[in-house]
Amino acid sequence: MSGEESASFGFEDIPRAEKAARVRAVFERVAPRYDLMNDAMSAGLHRLWKDAAVARLNPQPGEIILDVAGGTGDIARRLMARADKARRRRGGPPASVTVIDVNAEMLAAGRRRGEDGLDWLCADAEHLPLPDRGADAYVISFGIRNCTNIDAVLREARRVLKTGGRFFCLEFSRLAIGGLSPLYDAYSFHAIPALGQALACDRAAYAYLVESIRRFPDQQGFERMIRAAGFARVGHRNFAGGVCALHWGWAI
């Protein structure tokens, strides 16, 4: 199977046309327990990482902000709360924050938590039903590695952002601290699937999520992809020694 025809699904290479459906099935199964599992897998650190991403994005009153692969709207709620705080200080119209996800089950799980002034859109990150150059900011959090064509997602992000718009991606990445890999691998490949079985009754789904992290490009490789899609001022910040990284770029 050639690279043009295949896509990674964890450690498995599958026909490209099959990936979206298989990923969708994973998240349909885990949607009801997804937020609980995030807390368990990261010992709650994902909350700090998301807060740091939102602070760096710095949402403002009146901005149009897209939370792509936004699932249950966890980071979107943080964006809205921070924009509302700025609005109370300075005035201006409310920000518009849209949660976009290809999986209707994830969006439904999020809406059950409360609408919170968010908009919700079921759509594919590779083909957003949005106008060119209409958004001020775009964030994708722990979702881009599950997309079939990451380059296409980045190009689509550039298309929908205004010139000067901000792109942020929070994603699991590669350890930057030598000597910790054996411990990290043991936790990833044994503890996380076991947690998936205990808390979500789905070991296979969380085994896939761990494998998908290992197939994702390292920090420098992903920076090159962001630049190639049409972004400038590209950079990243590691969290937890590279377990997670926040990448950014400005649309040009």
C-alpha atoms as a PDB file:
ATOM      1  CA  MET A   1       0.000   0.000   0.000  1.00  0.00           C
ATOM      2  CA  SER A   2       1.614   3.297  -1.057  1.00  0.00           C
ATOM      3  CA  GLY A   3       1.835   6.394   1.159  1.00  0.00           C
ATOM      4  CA  GLU A   4      -0.673   8.136  -1.098  1.00  0.00           C
ATOM      5  CA  GLU A   5      -3.221   5.382  -0.549  1.00  0.00           C
ATOM      6  CA  SER A   6      -2.624   4.633   3.133  1.00  0.00           C
ATOM      7  CA  ALA A   7      -3.052   6.400   6.450  1.00  0.00           C
ATOM      8  CA  SER A   8      -1.942   5.508   9.951  1.00  0.00           C
ATOM      9  CA  PHE A   9      -4.444   4.158  12.439  1.00  0.00           C
ATOM     10  CA  GLY A  10      -2.272   3.774  15.494  1.00  0.00           C
ATOM     11  CA  PHE A  11       0.577   1.498  14.485  1.00  0.00           C
ATOM     12  CA  GLU A  12      -1.499   0.027  11.669  1.00  0.00           C
ATOM     13  CA  ASP A  13      -1.423   1.319   8.084  1.00  0.00           C
ATOM     14  CA  ILE A  14      -4.899   1.192   6.584  1.00  0.00           C
ATOM     15  CA  PRO A  15      -6.498   2.418   3.341  1.00  0.00           C
ATOM     16  CA  ARG A  16      -6.789   6.196   3.557  1.00  0.00           C
ATOM     17  CA  ALA A  17     -10.499   6.070   2.787  1.00  0.00           C
ATOM     18  CA  GLU A  18     -11.136   3.979   5.908  1.00  0.00           C
ATOM     19  CA  LYS A  19      -9.468   6.158   8.529  1.00  0.00           C
ATOM     20  CA  ALA A  20     -12.174   8.740   9.134  1.00  0.00           C
ATOM     21  CA  ALA A  21     -14.813   6.091   9.794  1.00  0.00           C
ATOM     22  CA  ARG A  22     -12.552   4.111  12.121  1.00  0.00           C
ATOM     23  CA  VAL A  23     -11.571   7.200  14.116  1.00  0.00           C
ATOM     24  CA  ARG A  24     -15.218   8.263  14.288  1.00  0.00           C
ATOM     25  CA  ALA A  25     -16.123   4.862  15.709  1.00  0.00           C
ATOM     26  CA  VAL A  26     -13.453   5.197  18.423  1.00  0.00           C
ATOM     27  CA  PHE A  27     -14.807   8.543  19.613  1.00  0.00           C
ATOM     28  CA  GLU A  28     -18.427   7.464  19.408  1.00  0.00           C
ATOM     29  CA  ARG A  29     -17.571   4.710  21.892  1.00  0.00           C
ATOM     30  CA  VAL A  30     -15.623   6.880  24.342  1.00  0.00           C
ATOM     31  CA  ALA A  31     -17.641  10.128  24.122  1.00  0.00           C
ATOM     32  CA  PRO A  32     -19.643   9.654  27.376  1.00  0.00           C
ATOM     33  CA  ARG A  33     -16.441   9.176  29.421  1.00  0.00           C
ATOM     34  CA  TYR A  34     -14.039  11.265  27.363  1.00  0.00           C
ATOM     35  CA  ASP A  35     -13.543  14.137  29.830  1.00  0.00           C
ATOM     36  CA  LEU A  36     -13.123  11.747  32.757  1.00  0.00           C
ATOM     37  CA  MET A  37     -10.495   9.804  30.831  1.00  0.00           C
ATOM     38  CA  ASN A  38      -8.578  12.988  30.010  1.00  0.00           C
ATOM     39  CA  ASP A  39      -8.297  13.721  33.722  1.00  0.00           C
ATOM     40  CA  ALA A  40      -7.228  10.165  34.512  1.00  0.00           C
ATOM     41  CA  MET A  41      -4.651   9.851  31.706  1.00  0.00           C
ATOM     42  CA  SER A  42      -2.943  13.173  32.393  1.00  0.00           C
ATOM     43  CA  ALA A  43      -3.472  13.342  36.179  1.00  0.00           C
ATOM     44  CA  GLY A  44      -5.398  16.544  35.474  1.00  0.00           C
ATOM     45  CA  LEU A  45      -2.460  18.211  33.703  1.00  0.00           C
ATOM     46  CA  HIS A  46      -4.474  18.642  30.494  1.00  0.00           C
ATOM     47  CA  ARG A  47      -6.402  21.380  32.308  1.00  0.00           C
ATOM     48  CA  LEU A  48      -3.216  23.368  32.900  1.00  0.00           C
ATOM     49  CA  TRP A  49      -2.070  22.826  29.306  1.00  0.00           C
ATOM     50  CA  LYS A  50      -5.410  24.052  27.958  1.00  0.00           C
ATOM     51  CA  ASP A  51      -5.345  27.093  30.237  1.00  0.00           C
ATOM     52  CA  ALA A  52      -1.851  27.928  28.956  1.00  0.00           C
ATOM     53  CA  ALA A  53      -2.996  27.558  25.335  1.00  0.00           C
ATOM     54  CA  VAL A  54      -5.972  29.863  25.903  1.00  0.00           C
ATOM     55  CA  ALA A  55      -3.791  32.452  27.640  1.00  0.00           C
ATOM     56  CA  ARG A  56      -1.371  32.453  24.711  1.00  0.00           C
ATOM     57  CA  LEU A  57      -4.196  32.696  22.151  1.00  0.00           C
ATOM     58  CA  ASN A  58      -5.638  35.596  24.202  1.00  0.00           C
ATOM     59  CA  PRO A  59      -9.245  35.722  22.881  1.00  0.00           C
ATOM     60  CA  GLN A  60     -10.741  39.192  22.666  1.00  0.00           C
ATOM     61  CA  PRO A  61     -14.277  40.655  22.575  1.00  0.00           C
ATOM     62  CA  GLY A  62     -15.859  40.531  19.136  1.00  0.00           C
ATOM     63  CA  GLU A  63     -13.456  37.949  17.722  1.00  0.00           C
ATOM     64  CA  ILE A  64     -14.555  34.943  15.678  1.00  0.00           C
ATOM     65  CA  ILE A  65     -12.817  31.897  17.163  1.00  0.00           C
ATOM     66  CA  LEU A  66     -12.922  28.307  15.927  1.00  0.00           C
ATOM     67  CA  ASP A  67     -12.322  25.330  18.234  1.00  0.00           C
ATOM     68  CA  VAL A  68     -11.742  22.595  15.645  1.00  0.00           C
ATOM     69  CA  ALA A  69     -11.922  18.919  16.625  1.00  0.00           C
ATOM     70  CA  GLY A  70     -13.356  20.546  19.733  1.00  0.00           C
ATOM     71  CA  GLY A  71     -15.244  17.497  20.966  1.00  0.00           C
ATOM     72  CA  THR A  72     -17.115  18.304  24.151  1.00  0.00           C
ATOM     73  CA  GLY A  73     -16.140  21.985  24.076  1.00  0.00           C
ATOM     74  CA  ASP A  74     -13.698  21.855  26.990  1.00  0.00           C
ATOM     75  CA  ILE A  75     -11.241  24.380  25.552  1.00  0.00           C
ATOM     76  CA  ALA A  76     -14.029  26.408  23.879  1.00  0.00           C
ATOM     77  CA  ARG A  77     -15.542  27.126  27.294  1.00  0.00           C
ATOM     78  CA  ARG A  78     -12.182  28.434  28.469  1.00  0.00           C
ATOM     79  CA  LEU A  79     -11.947  30.654  25.385  1.00  0.00           C
ATOM     80  CA  MET A  80     -15.412  32.074  25.946  1.00  0.00           C
ATOM     81  CA  ALA A  81     -14.783  32.710  29.648  1.00  0.00           C
ATOM     82  CA  ARG A  82     -11.524  34.555  28.952  1.00  0.00           C
ATOM     83  CA  ALA A  83     -13.071  36.647  26.154  1.00  0.00           C
ATOM     84  CA  ASP A  84     -16.002  37.526  28.435  1.00  0.00           C
ATOM     85  CA  LYS A  85     -13.572  38.591  31.156  1.00  0.00           C
ATOM     86  CA  ALA A  86     -11.834  40.941  28.699  1.00  0.00           C
ATOM     87  CA  ARG A  87     -15.225  42.270  27.592  1.00  0.00           C
ATOM     88  CA  ARG A  88     -16.215  43.112  31.163  1.00  0.00           C
ATOM     89  CA  ARG A  89     -13.016  45.129  31.506  1.00  0.00           C
ATOM     90  CA  ARG A  90     -13.045  46.936  28.182  1.00  0.00           C
ATOM     91  CA  GLY A  91     -16.515  46.567  26.699  1.00  0.00           C
ATOM     92  CA  GLY A  92     -17.285  45.573  23.133  1.00  0.00           C
ATOM     93  CA  PRO A  93     -19.371  42.850  21.512  1.00  0.00           C
ATOM     94  CA  PRO A  94     -19.172  39.244  22.719  1.00  0.00           C
ATOM     95  CA  ALA A  95     -16.777  36.844  21.067  1.00  0.00           C
ATOM     96  CA  SER A  96     -18.178  34.121  18.802  1.00  0.00           C
ATOM     97  CA  VAL A  97     -16.750  30.695  19.653  1.00  0.00           C
ATOM     98  CA  THR A  98     -17.728  27.710  17.502  1.00  0.00           C
ATOM     99  CA  VAL A  99     -17.014  24.112  18.483  1.00  0.00           C
ATOM    100  CA  ILE A 100     -16.424  22.059  15.338  1.00  0.00           C
ATOM    101  CA  ASP A 101     -16.116  18.290  15.347  1.00  0.00           C
ATOM    102  CA  VAL A 102     -16.732  15.522  12.836  1.00  0.00           C
ATOM    103  CA  ASN A 103     -18.244  13.327  15.540  1.00  0.00           C
ATOM    104  CA  ALA A 104     -21.838  14.118  16.453  1.00  0.00           C
ATOM    105  CA  GLU A 105     -21.633  11.979  19.597  1.00  0.00           C
ATOM    106  CA  MET A 106     -18.802  14.103  20.994  1.00  0.00           C
ATOM    107  CA  LEU A 107     -20.719  17.306  20.263  1.00  0.00           C
ATOM    108  CA  ALA A 108     -23.835  15.873  21.898  1.00  0.00           C
ATOM    109  CA  ALA A 109     -21.838  14.978  25.007  1.00  0.00           C
ATOM    110  CA  GLY A 110     -20.564  18.547  25.125  1.00  0.00           C
ATOM    111  CA  ARG A 111     -23.973  20.120  24.689  1.00  0.00           C
ATOM    112  CA  ARG A 112     -25.304  18.031  27.565  1.00  0.00           C
ATOM    113  CA  ARG A 113     -22.836  19.937  29.764  1.00  0.00           C
ATOM    114  CA  GLY A 114     -24.590  23.181  28.788  1.00  0.00           C
ATOM    115  CA  GLU A 115     -24.576  25.435  25.739  1.00  0.00           C
ATOM    116  CA  ASP A 116     -22.583  28.219  27.498  1.00  0.00           C
ATOM    117  CA  GLY A 117     -23.065  30.622  24.595  1.00  0.00           C
ATOM    118  CA  LEU A 118     -21.118  28.406  22.194  1.00  0.00           C
ATOM    119  CA  ASP A 119     -22.041  27.522  18.632  1.00  0.00           C
ATOM    120  CA  TRP A 120     -21.791  23.876  17.587  1.00  0.00           C
ATOM    121  CA  LEU A 121     -21.005  22.577  14.104  1.00  0.00           C
ATOM    122  CA  CYS A 122     -20.584  18.985  12.915  1.00  0.00           C
ATOM    123  CA  ALA A 123     -17.948  19.185  10.175  1.00  0.00           C
ATOM    124  CA  ASP A 124     -14.668  17.695   8.972  1.00  0.00           C
ATOM    125  CA  ALA A 125     -11.491  19.681   9.755  1.00  0.00           C
ATOM    126  CA  GLU A 126     -10.264  18.953   6.217  1.00  0.00           C
ATOM    127  CA  HIS A 127     -13.381  20.521   4.620  1.00  0.00           C
ATOM    128  CA  LEU A 128     -14.814  23.291   6.788  1.00  0.00           C
ATOM    129  CA  PRO A 129     -18.120  24.794   5.548  1.00  0.00           C
ATOM    130  CA  LEU A 130     -16.860  28.285   6.351  1.00  0.00           C
ATOM    131  CA  PRO A 131     -15.891  31.317   4.258  1.00  0.00           C
ATOM    132  CA  ASP A 132     -12.341  32.260   3.368  1.00  0.00           C
ATOM    133  CA  ARG A 133     -10.477  34.561   5.760  1.00  0.00           C
ATOM    134  CA  GLY A 134     -13.336  34.974   8.207  1.00  0.00           C
ATOM    135  CA  ALA A 135     -11.890  33.860  11.565  1.00  0.00           C
ATOM    136  CA  ASP A 136      -9.579  35.690  13.959  1.00  0.00           C
ATOM    137  CA  ALA A 137      -8.271  32.582  15.709  1.00  0.00           C
ATOM    138  CA  TYR A 138      -8.265  28.812  15.288  1.00  0.00           C
ATOM    139  CA  VAL A 139      -7.374  26.226  17.897  1.00  0.00           C
ATOM    140  CA  ILE A 140      -7.209  22.456  17.580  1.00  0.00           C
ATOM    141  CA  SER A 141      -6.582  20.586  20.820  1.00  0.00           C
ATOM    142  CA  PHE A 142      -5.596  16.907  20.935  1.00  0.00           C
ATOM    143  CA  GLY A 143      -7.365  16.301  17.648  1.00  0.00           C
ATOM    144  CA  ILE A 144      -5.117  16.891  14.664  1.00  0.00           C
ATOM    145  CA  ARG A 145      -3.296  13.564  14.967  1.00  0.00           C
ATOM    146  CA  ASN A 146      -6.627  11.790  14.436  1.00  0.00           C
ATOM    147  CA  CYS A 147      -7.216  13.495  11.094  1.00  0.00           C
ATOM    148  CA  THR A 148      -6.566  11.581   7.888  1.00  0.00           C
ATOM    149  CA  ASN A 149      -4.581  14.311   6.117  1.00  0.00           C
ATOM    150  CA  ILE A 150      -2.814  16.683   8.505  1.00  0.00           C
ATOM    151  CA  ASP A 151      -1.451  18.839   5.677  1.00  0.00           C
ATOM    152  CA  ALA A 152      -5.008  19.358   4.408  1.00  0.00           C
ATOM    153  CA  VAL A 153      -6.174  20.360   7.898  1.00  0.00           C
ATOM    154  CA  LEU A 154      -3.400  22.949   8.137  1.00  0.00           C
ATOM    155  CA  ARG A 155      -4.193  24.353   4.686  1.00  0.00           C
ATOM    156  CA  GLU A 156      -7.860  24.599   5.621  1.00  0.00           C
ATOM    157  CA  ALA A 157      -6.932  26.396   8.849  1.00  0.00           C
ATOM    158  CA  ARG A 158      -4.982  28.928   6.785  1.00  0.00           C
ATOM    159  CA  ARG A 159      -7.909  29.355   4.378  1.00  0.00           C
ATOM    160  CA  VAL A 160     -10.469  30.238   7.057  1.00  0.00           C
ATOM    161  CA  LEU A 161      -8.180  32.578   9.027  1.00  0.00           C
ATOM    162  CA  LYS A 162      -7.903  36.271   8.314  1.00  0.00           C
ATOM    163  CA  THR A 163      -4.475  37.563   7.391  1.00  0.00           C
ATOM    164  CA  GLY A 164      -2.762  37.905  10.754  1.00  0.00           C
ATOM    165  CA  GLY A 165      -5.105  35.352  12.328  1.00  0.00           C
ATOM    166  CA  ARG A 166      -3.706  33.075  15.025  1.00  0.00           C
ATOM    167  CA  PHE A 167      -3.354  29.296  14.700  1.00  0.00           C
ATOM    168  CA  PHE A 168      -2.768  27.209  17.828  1.00  0.00           C
ATOM    169  CA  CYS A 169      -2.440  23.451  18.136  1.00  0.00           C
ATOM    170  CA  LEU A 170      -2.165  21.620  21.434  1.00  0.00           C
ATOM    171  CA  GLU A 171      -1.081  18.038  20.932  1.00  0.00           C
ATOM    172  CA  PHE A 172       0.780  15.183  22.562  1.00  0.00           C
ATOM    173  CA  SER A 173       4.345  15.188  21.281  1.00  0.00           C
ATOM    174  CA  ARG A 174       7.834  13.743  21.820  1.00  0.00           C
ATOM    175  CA  LEU A 175       9.789  13.682  25.068  1.00  0.00           C
ATOM    176  CA  ALA A 176      12.603  16.207  25.138  1.00  0.00           C
ATOM    177  CA  ILE A 177      14.144  14.825  28.340  1.00  0.00           C
ATOM    178  CA  GLY A 178      16.515  11.928  27.825  1.00  0.00           C
ATOM    179  CA  GLY A 179      16.269   8.838  29.987  1.00  0.00           C
ATOM    180  CA  LEU A 180      12.527   9.013  30.664  1.00  0.00           C
ATOM    181  CA  SER A 181      11.370   7.148  27.577  1.00  0.00           C
ATOM    182  CA  PRO A 182      11.194   3.683  29.233  1.00  0.00           C
ATOM    183  CA  LEU A 183       8.973   5.013  32.035  1.00  0.00           C
ATOM    184  CA  TYR A 184       6.823   6.989  29.612  1.00  0.00           C
ATOM    185  CA  ASP A 185       6.426   3.986  27.321  1.00  0.00           C
ATOM    186  CA  ALA A 186       5.464   1.739  30.231  1.00  0.00           C
ATOM    187  CA  TYR A 187       2.805   4.202  31.345  1.00  0.00           C
ATOM    188  CA  SER A 188       1.535   4.801  27.818  1.00  0.00           C
ATOM    189  CA  PHE A 189       1.310   1.240  26.580  1.00  0.00           C
ATOM    190  CA  HIS A 190       0.183  -0.430  29.794  1.00  0.00           C
ATOM    191  CA  ALA A 191      -1.417   2.025  32.218  1.00  0.00           C
ATOM    192  CA  ILE A 192      -3.466   4.086  29.755  1.00  0.00           C
ATOM    193  CA  PRO A 193      -5.169   1.108  28.028  1.00  0.00           C
ATOM    194  CA  ALA A 194      -5.870  -0.326  31.495  1.00  0.00           C
ATOM    195  CA  LEU A 195      -7.480   2.975  32.534  1.00  0.00           C
ATOM    196  CA  GLY A 196      -9.494   2.891  29.326  1.00  0.00           C
ATOM    197  CA  GLN A 197     -10.805  -0.524  30.248  1.00  0.00           C
ATOM    198  CA  ALA A 198     -11.571   0.437  33.843  1.00  0.00           C
ATOM    199  CA  LEU A 199     -13.200   3.819  33.234  1.00  0.00           C
ATOM    200  CA  ALA A 200     -14.584   3.588  29.708  1.00  0.00           C
ATOM    201  CA  CYS A 201     -14.809  -0.192  29.215  1.00  0.00           C
ATOM    202  CA  ASP A 202     -12.742   0.211  26.049  1.00  0.00           C
ATOM    203  CA  ARG A 203      -9.115  -0.855  26.147  1.00  0.00           C
ATOM    204  CA  ALA A 204      -8.719  -0.883  22.362  1.00  0.00           C
ATOM    205  CA  ALA A 205      -9.768   2.753  21.918  1.00  0.00           C
ATOM    206  CA  TYR A 206      -7.122   3.998  24.316  1.00  0.00           C
ATOM    207  CA  ALA A 207      -4.474   1.689  22.904  1.00  0.00           C
ATOM    208  CA  TYR A 208      -5.170   3.360  19.551  1.00  0.00           C
ATOM    209  CA  LEU A 209      -4.851   6.844  21.077  1.00  0.00           C
ATOM    210  CA  VAL A 210      -1.433   5.996  22.530  1.00  0.00           C
ATOM    211  CA  GLU A 211      -0.242   4.543  19.230  1.00  0.00           C
ATOM    212  CA  SER A 212      -1.502   7.609  17.330  1.00  0.00           C
ATOM    213  CA  ILE A 213       0.706   9.832  19.505  1.00  0.00           C
ATOM    214  CA  ARG A 214       3.777   7.833  18.510  1.00  0.00           C
ATOM    215  CA  ARG A 215       2.951   8.234  14.813  1.00  0.00           C
ATOM    216  CA  PHE A 216       2.572  12.023  15.063  1.00  0.00           C
ATOM    217  CA  PRO A 217       5.515  14.180  13.871  1.00  0.00           C
ATOM    218  CA  ASP A 218       7.980  15.526  16.430  1.00  0.00           C
ATOM    219  CA  GLN A 219       8.021  19.206  17.360  1.00  0.00           C
ATOM    220  CA  GLN A 220      10.416  20.315  14.627  1.00  0.00           C
ATOM    221  CA  GLY A 221       8.705  18.218  11.965  1.00  0.00           C
ATOM    222  CA  PHE A 222       5.306  19.650  12.829  1.00  0.00           C
ATOM    223  CA  GLU A 223       6.698  23.198  12.748  1.00  0.00           C
ATOM    224  CA  ARG A 224       7.844  22.578   9.165  1.00  0.00           C
ATOM    225  CA  MET A 225       4.342  21.430   8.231  1.00  0.00           C
ATOM    226  CA  ILE A 226       2.785  24.568   9.742  1.00  0.00           C
ATOM    227  CA  ARG A 227       5.163  26.827   7.796  1.00  0.00           C
ATOM    228  CA  ALA A 228       4.473  24.946   4.575  1.00  0.00           C
ATOM    229  CA  ALA A 229       0.739  25.601   5.021  1.00  0.00           C
ATOM    230  CA  GLY A 230       1.273  29.375   4.946  1.00  0.00           C
ATOM    231  CA  PHE A 231       1.985  30.447   8.519  1.00  0.00           C
ATOM    232  CA  ALA A 232       4.727  32.716   9.863  1.00  0.00           C
ATOM    233  CA  ARG A 233       6.174  33.321  13.345  1.00  0.00           C
ATOM    234  CA  VAL A 234       5.859  29.571  13.912  1.00  0.00           C
ATOM    235  CA  GLY A 235       7.010  28.206  17.243  1.00  0.00           C
ATOM    236  CA  HIS A 236       6.217  25.808  20.041  1.00  0.00           C
ATOM    237  CA  ARG A 237       6.376  25.353  23.788  1.00  0.00           C
ATOM    238  CA  ASN A 238       6.822  22.002  25.479  1.00  0.00           C
ATOM    239  CA  PHE A 239       4.829  20.948  28.514  1.00  0.00           C
ATOM    240  CA  ALA A 240       5.863  18.148  30.883  1.00  0.00           C
ATOM    241  CA  GLY A 241       9.169  17.734  29.118  1.00  0.00           C
ATOM    242  CA  GLY A 242       7.586  17.277  25.699  1.00  0.00           C
ATOM    243  CA  VAL A 243       4.729  14.947  26.641  1.00  0.00           C
ATOM    244  CA  CYS A 244       2.555  17.710  25.205  1.00  0.00           C
ATOM    245  CA  ALA A 245       3.443  20.712  23.037  1.00  0.00           C
ATOM    246  CA  LEU A 246       1.655  23.904  22.070  1.00  0.00           C
ATOM    247  CA  HIS A 247       2.408  24.959  18.481  1.00  0.00           C
ATOM    248  CA  TRP A 248       1.454  28.288  16.940  1.00  0.00           C
ATOM    249  CA  GLY A 249       1.662  30.353  13.781  1.00  0.00           C
ATOM    250  CA  TRP A 250       0.216  33.529  12.254  1.00  0.00           C
ATOM    251  CA  ALA A 251      -1.581  33.444   8.905  1.00  0.00           C
ATOM    252  CA  ILE A 252       0.167  35.372   6.115  1.00  0.00           C
END
